[in-house]
């Protein structure tokens, strides 16, 4: 069963201006550093990896995939059925919804 991921980043998230932060810092009701439940990278049954990356310019983001034979920064391609977004959070929300629908697991 896939854990329930957030559709939006927490409204009080202190990492809102840093789209790559994947840990939630301690809070009054959460004394430990915990993994972010919004920013996720995924892997499907074929071994294809998915994550949000920026495009040309500062405000273009889209989910991308990488086949298992590729490593590092090589071979990332755009997910065609997801739109380009002006913010990282919008693109991440698209990817989270697709991953939930497809039953992908989390990487990392």
N, C-alpha and C. Protein backbone atom coordinates (compact mmCIF):
# COMPACT_ATOMS: atom_id res chain seq x y z
N UNK A 1 0.83 -1.18 0.00
CA UNK A 1 0.00 0.00 0.00
C UNK A 1 0.88 1.25 0.00
N UNK A 2 0.53 2.21 -0.82
CA UNK A 2 1.30 3.45 -0.93
C UNK A 2 0.90 4.39 0.20
N UNK A 3 1.88 4.99 0.89
CA UNK A 3 1.53 5.98 1.91
C UNK A 3 0.80 7.16 1.28
N UNK A 4 -0.02 7.81 2.08
CA UNK A 4 -0.75 8.98 1.59
C UNK A 4 0.19 10.18 1.58
N UNK A 5 0.40 10.75 0.40
CA UNK A 5 1.26 11.92 0.28
C UNK A 5 0.40 13.16 0.22
N UNK A 6 0.96 14.25 0.63
CA UNK A 6 0.23 15.52 0.59
C UNK A 6 0.07 16.01 -0.83
N UNK A 7 -1.07 16.66 -1.07
CA UNK A 7 -1.30 17.27 -2.37
C UNK A 7 -0.63 18.63 -2.44
N UNK A 8 -0.43 19.26 -1.29
CA UNK A 8 0.19 20.58 -1.21
C UNK A 8 1.19 20.57 -0.07
N UNK A 9 2.17 21.43 -0.19
CA UNK A 9 3.14 21.59 0.89
C UNK A 9 2.45 22.22 2.10
N UNK A 10 2.89 21.89 3.28
CA UNK A 10 2.29 22.46 4.50
C UNK A 10 2.33 23.99 4.43
N UNK A 11 1.26 24.63 4.83
CA UNK A 11 1.20 26.10 4.74
C UNK A 11 2.21 26.78 5.66
N UNK A 12 2.65 26.11 6.69
CA UNK A 12 3.63 26.69 7.61
C UNK A 12 5.04 26.15 7.36
N UNK A 13 5.24 25.48 6.23
CA UNK A 13 6.54 24.89 5.92
C UNK A 13 7.63 25.96 5.86
N UNK A 14 8.68 25.83 6.65
CA UNK A 14 9.76 26.81 6.59
C UNK A 14 10.64 26.64 5.36
N UNK A 15 10.45 25.56 4.60
CA UNK A 15 11.25 25.31 3.41
C UNK A 15 10.54 25.74 2.13
N UNK A 16 9.51 26.55 2.22
CA UNK A 16 8.71 26.91 1.05
C UNK A 16 9.53 27.58 -0.05
N UNK A 17 10.59 28.25 0.31
CA UNK A 17 11.41 28.92 -0.70
C UNK A 17 12.58 28.08 -1.18
N UNK A 18 12.65 26.84 -0.74
CA UNK A 18 13.71 25.94 -1.17
C UNK A 18 13.07 24.64 -1.65
N UNK A 19 12.81 24.54 -2.96
CA UNK A 19 12.07 23.38 -3.46
C UNK A 19 12.78 22.05 -3.32
N UNK A 20 14.05 22.04 -3.01
CA UNK A 20 14.78 20.77 -2.93
C UNK A 20 14.84 20.20 -1.51
N UNK A 21 14.39 20.94 -0.51
CA UNK A 21 14.43 20.44 0.87
C UNK A 21 13.43 19.31 1.02
N UNK A 22 13.89 18.17 1.52
CA UNK A 22 13.02 17.02 1.66
C UNK A 22 12.88 16.56 3.11
N UNK A 23 13.26 17.41 4.03
CA UNK A 23 13.10 17.11 5.45
C UNK A 23 12.31 18.24 6.10
N UNK A 24 11.41 17.87 6.99
CA UNK A 24 10.67 18.86 7.77
C UNK A 24 11.45 19.12 9.06
N UNK A 25 11.77 20.37 9.34
CA UNK A 25 12.50 20.67 10.58
C UNK A 25 11.60 20.48 11.79
N UNK A 26 12.20 20.44 12.98
CA UNK A 26 11.40 20.27 14.19
C UNK A 26 10.37 21.39 14.34
N UNK A 27 9.23 21.02 14.92
CA UNK A 27 8.15 21.97 15.19
C UNK A 27 7.69 21.74 16.63
N UNK A 28 6.89 22.61 17.17
CA UNK A 28 6.43 22.42 18.56
C UNK A 28 5.75 21.07 18.80
N UNK A 29 4.94 20.60 17.84
CA UNK A 29 4.24 19.33 18.04
C UNK A 29 4.96 18.16 17.39
N UNK A 30 6.06 18.42 16.75
CA UNK A 30 6.86 17.39 16.09
C UNK A 30 8.32 17.66 16.43
N UNK A 31 8.82 17.15 17.54
CA UNK A 31 10.16 17.51 18.00
C UNK A 31 11.31 16.97 17.15
N UNK A 32 11.05 16.05 16.23
CA UNK A 32 12.12 15.47 15.43
C UNK A 32 12.08 15.96 13.99
N UNK A 33 13.23 15.87 13.32
CA UNK A 33 13.29 16.13 11.89
C UNK A 33 12.67 14.91 11.21
N UNK A 34 11.72 15.14 10.30
CA UNK A 34 11.03 14.04 9.64
C UNK A 34 11.05 14.22 8.13
N UNK A 35 10.88 13.14 7.36
CA UNK A 35 10.82 13.28 5.90
C UNK A 35 9.60 14.09 5.49
N UNK A 36 9.77 14.92 4.50
CA UNK A 36 8.66 15.71 3.97
C UNK A 36 7.66 14.75 3.31
N UNK A 37 6.37 14.97 3.53
CA UNK A 37 5.36 14.11 2.93
C UNK A 37 4.85 14.70 1.62
N UNK A 38 5.47 15.77 1.14
CA UNK A 38 5.06 16.40 -0.11
C UNK A 38 6.09 16.22 -1.21
N UNK A 39 7.34 16.55 -0.93
CA UNK A 39 8.39 16.47 -1.95
C UNK A 39 8.90 15.03 -2.02
N UNK A 40 8.60 14.38 -3.14
CA UNK A 40 8.93 12.97 -3.30
C UNK A 40 9.49 12.70 -4.69
N UNK A 41 10.30 11.67 -4.79
CA UNK A 41 10.74 11.10 -6.07
C UNK A 41 10.21 9.67 -6.06
N UNK A 42 9.92 9.14 -7.23
CA UNK A 42 9.25 7.85 -7.32
C UNK A 42 9.98 6.89 -8.25
N UNK A 43 9.60 5.62 -8.15
CA UNK A 43 10.11 4.59 -9.06
C UNK A 43 8.95 3.66 -9.40
N UNK A 44 8.85 3.27 -10.68
CA UNK A 44 7.77 2.36 -11.07
C UNK A 44 8.30 0.92 -11.14
N UNK A 45 7.44 -0.01 -11.53
CA UNK A 45 7.79 -1.43 -11.55
C UNK A 45 8.88 -1.76 -12.56
N UNK A 46 9.05 -0.91 -13.57
CA UNK A 46 10.10 -1.13 -14.58
C UNK A 46 11.46 -0.61 -14.11
N UNK A 47 11.48 0.13 -13.00
CA UNK A 47 12.71 0.73 -12.51
C UNK A 47 12.92 2.16 -13.00
N UNK A 48 11.93 2.73 -13.67
CA UNK A 48 12.03 4.11 -14.14
C UNK A 48 11.85 5.03 -12.94
N UNK A 49 12.71 6.04 -12.85
CA UNK A 49 12.66 7.01 -11.75
C UNK A 49 11.96 8.28 -12.22
N UNK A 50 11.26 8.94 -11.30
CA UNK A 50 10.51 10.15 -11.61
C UNK A 50 10.79 11.20 -10.55
N UNK A 51 10.99 12.44 -10.98
CA UNK A 51 11.13 13.55 -10.04
C UNK A 51 10.85 14.86 -10.78
N UNK A 52 10.63 15.92 -10.03
CA UNK A 52 10.39 17.23 -10.61
C UNK A 52 11.73 17.93 -10.81
N UNK A 53 11.88 18.54 -11.99
CA UNK A 53 13.10 19.27 -12.30
C UNK A 53 12.72 20.58 -12.98
N UNK A 54 13.62 21.53 -12.93
CA UNK A 54 13.37 22.79 -13.61
C UNK A 54 13.74 22.68 -15.08
N UNK A 55 13.13 23.56 -15.87
CA UNK A 55 13.43 23.62 -17.29
C UNK A 55 14.23 24.88 -17.58
N UNK A 56 14.09 25.39 -18.77
CA UNK A 56 14.78 26.63 -19.14
C UNK A 56 14.14 27.79 -18.39
N UNK A 57 14.94 28.60 -17.77
CA UNK A 57 14.41 29.72 -17.00
C UNK A 57 14.16 29.32 -15.56
N UNK A 58 13.82 30.29 -14.75
CA UNK A 58 13.66 30.04 -13.32
C UNK A 58 12.28 29.52 -12.95
N UNK A 59 11.26 29.83 -13.72
CA UNK A 59 9.91 29.47 -13.29
C UNK A 59 9.25 28.47 -14.23
N UNK A 60 9.96 27.44 -14.61
CA UNK A 60 9.41 26.36 -15.41
C UNK A 60 9.79 25.04 -14.77
N UNK A 61 8.79 24.28 -14.35
CA UNK A 61 9.03 23.01 -13.68
C UNK A 61 8.15 21.93 -14.27
N UNK A 62 8.69 20.71 -14.30
CA UNK A 62 7.93 19.60 -14.85
C UNK A 62 8.48 18.29 -14.29
N UNK A 63 7.61 17.29 -14.20
CA UNK A 63 8.07 15.96 -13.81
C UNK A 63 8.85 15.36 -14.96
N UNK A 64 9.90 14.64 -14.61
CA UNK A 64 10.74 13.98 -15.61
C UNK A 64 10.99 12.54 -15.18
N UNK A 65 11.37 11.71 -16.13
CA UNK A 65 11.66 10.31 -15.83
C UNK A 65 13.05 9.95 -16.36
N UNK A 66 13.62 8.90 -15.78
CA UNK A 66 14.92 8.40 -16.19
C UNK A 66 14.84 6.87 -16.21
N UNK A 67 15.25 6.27 -17.31
CA UNK A 67 15.24 4.81 -17.43
C UNK A 67 16.36 4.22 -16.57
N UNK A 68 16.22 2.96 -16.15
CA UNK A 68 17.16 2.36 -15.19
C UNK A 68 18.60 2.25 -15.67
N UNK A 69 18.82 2.20 -16.99
CA UNK A 69 20.20 2.08 -17.47
C UNK A 69 20.97 3.40 -17.39
N UNK A 70 20.29 4.50 -17.11
CA UNK A 70 20.93 5.81 -16.99
C UNK A 70 21.24 6.10 -15.53
N UNK A 71 22.23 6.94 -15.32
CA UNK A 71 22.66 7.30 -13.96
C UNK A 71 22.88 8.80 -13.86
N UNK A 72 22.81 9.31 -12.64
CA UNK A 72 23.11 10.72 -12.40
C UNK A 72 22.19 11.66 -13.14
N UNK A 73 22.78 12.63 -13.81
CA UNK A 73 22.01 13.65 -14.53
C UNK A 73 21.69 13.27 -15.97
N UNK A 74 22.12 12.11 -16.41
CA UNK A 74 21.94 11.72 -17.82
C UNK A 74 20.57 11.10 -18.09
N UNK A 75 20.00 11.43 -19.23
CA UNK A 75 18.83 10.74 -19.73
C UNK A 75 17.48 11.12 -19.15
N UNK A 76 17.36 12.24 -18.47
CA UNK A 76 16.07 12.65 -17.93
C UNK A 76 15.20 13.21 -19.05
N UNK A 77 13.99 12.69 -19.17
CA UNK A 77 13.04 13.11 -20.20
C UNK A 77 11.76 13.60 -19.54
N UNK A 78 11.06 14.52 -20.20
CA UNK A 78 9.81 15.07 -19.67
C UNK A 78 8.69 14.04 -19.72
N UNK A 79 7.87 14.03 -18.69
CA UNK A 79 6.66 13.21 -18.68
C UNK A 79 5.63 13.95 -19.54
N UNK A 80 5.31 13.37 -20.67
CA UNK A 80 4.48 14.06 -21.68
C UNK A 80 3.09 14.42 -21.20
N UNK A 81 2.47 13.56 -20.41
CA UNK A 81 1.09 13.81 -20.03
C UNK A 81 0.94 14.73 -18.81
N UNK A 82 2.03 15.35 -18.37
CA UNK A 82 1.96 16.36 -17.31
C UNK A 82 2.40 17.70 -17.88
N UNK A 83 1.74 18.79 -17.47
CA UNK A 83 2.05 20.11 -18.02
C UNK A 83 3.27 20.76 -17.38
N UNK A 84 3.83 21.73 -18.09
CA UNK A 84 4.84 22.61 -17.50
C UNK A 84 4.13 23.49 -16.49
N UNK A 85 4.77 23.76 -15.36
CA UNK A 85 4.17 24.59 -14.31
C UNK A 85 5.10 25.75 -13.98
N UNK A 86 4.52 26.80 -13.45
CA UNK A 86 5.31 27.98 -13.08
C UNK A 86 6.01 27.82 -11.73
N UNK A 87 5.54 26.87 -10.90
CA UNK A 87 6.18 26.67 -9.60
C UNK A 87 6.54 25.20 -9.39
N UNK A 88 7.55 24.99 -8.59
CA UNK A 88 7.97 23.64 -8.22
C UNK A 88 6.82 22.90 -7.54
N UNK A 89 6.13 23.58 -6.62
CA UNK A 89 5.06 22.94 -5.87
C UNK A 89 3.92 22.45 -6.76
N UNK A 90 3.56 23.21 -7.78
CA UNK A 90 2.51 22.78 -8.71
C UNK A 90 2.94 21.51 -9.46
N UNK A 91 4.18 21.49 -9.93
CA UNK A 91 4.69 20.33 -10.65
C UNK A 91 4.80 19.12 -9.72
N UNK A 92 5.20 19.34 -8.48
CA UNK A 92 5.30 18.24 -7.52
C UNK A 92 3.92 17.68 -7.21
N UNK A 93 2.94 18.54 -7.10
CA UNK A 93 1.58 18.09 -6.86
C UNK A 93 1.08 17.21 -8.01
N UNK A 94 1.39 17.61 -9.26
CA UNK A 94 1.04 16.79 -10.42
C UNK A 94 1.68 15.41 -10.34
N UNK A 95 2.97 15.39 -10.00
CA UNK A 95 3.70 14.12 -9.92
C UNK A 95 3.15 13.25 -8.79
N UNK A 96 2.86 13.84 -7.64
CA UNK A 96 2.31 13.07 -6.52
C UNK A 96 0.99 12.40 -6.90
N UNK A 97 0.13 13.15 -7.59
CA UNK A 97 -1.16 12.61 -7.99
C UNK A 97 -0.98 11.46 -8.99
N UNK A 98 -0.08 11.62 -9.95
CA UNK A 98 0.17 10.57 -10.94
C UNK A 98 0.76 9.33 -10.27
N UNK A 99 1.68 9.52 -9.34
CA UNK A 99 2.30 8.39 -8.64
C UNK A 99 1.27 7.62 -7.83
N UNK A 100 0.37 8.34 -7.19
CA UNK A 100 -0.68 7.67 -6.41
C UNK A 100 -1.59 6.87 -7.33
N UNK A 101 -1.97 7.46 -8.46
CA UNK A 101 -2.85 6.80 -9.43
C UNK A 101 -2.20 5.54 -10.01
N UNK A 102 -0.88 5.61 -10.28
CA UNK A 102 -0.17 4.50 -10.90
C UNK A 102 0.38 3.47 -9.91
N UNK A 103 0.39 3.82 -8.62
CA UNK A 103 0.89 2.91 -7.61
C UNK A 103 2.40 2.83 -7.53
N UNK A 104 3.09 3.92 -7.85
CA UNK A 104 4.55 3.94 -7.82
C UNK A 104 5.05 3.99 -6.38
N UNK A 105 6.25 3.45 -6.17
CA UNK A 105 6.89 3.51 -4.86
C UNK A 105 7.78 4.74 -4.76
N UNK A 106 8.18 5.03 -3.56
CA UNK A 106 9.04 6.19 -3.28
C UNK A 106 10.50 5.77 -3.39
N UNK A 107 11.33 6.67 -3.96
CA UNK A 107 12.78 6.40 -4.01
C UNK A 107 13.47 7.16 -2.90
N UNK A 108 14.72 6.84 -2.72
CA UNK A 108 15.50 7.65 -1.81
C UNK A 108 15.89 6.92 -0.64
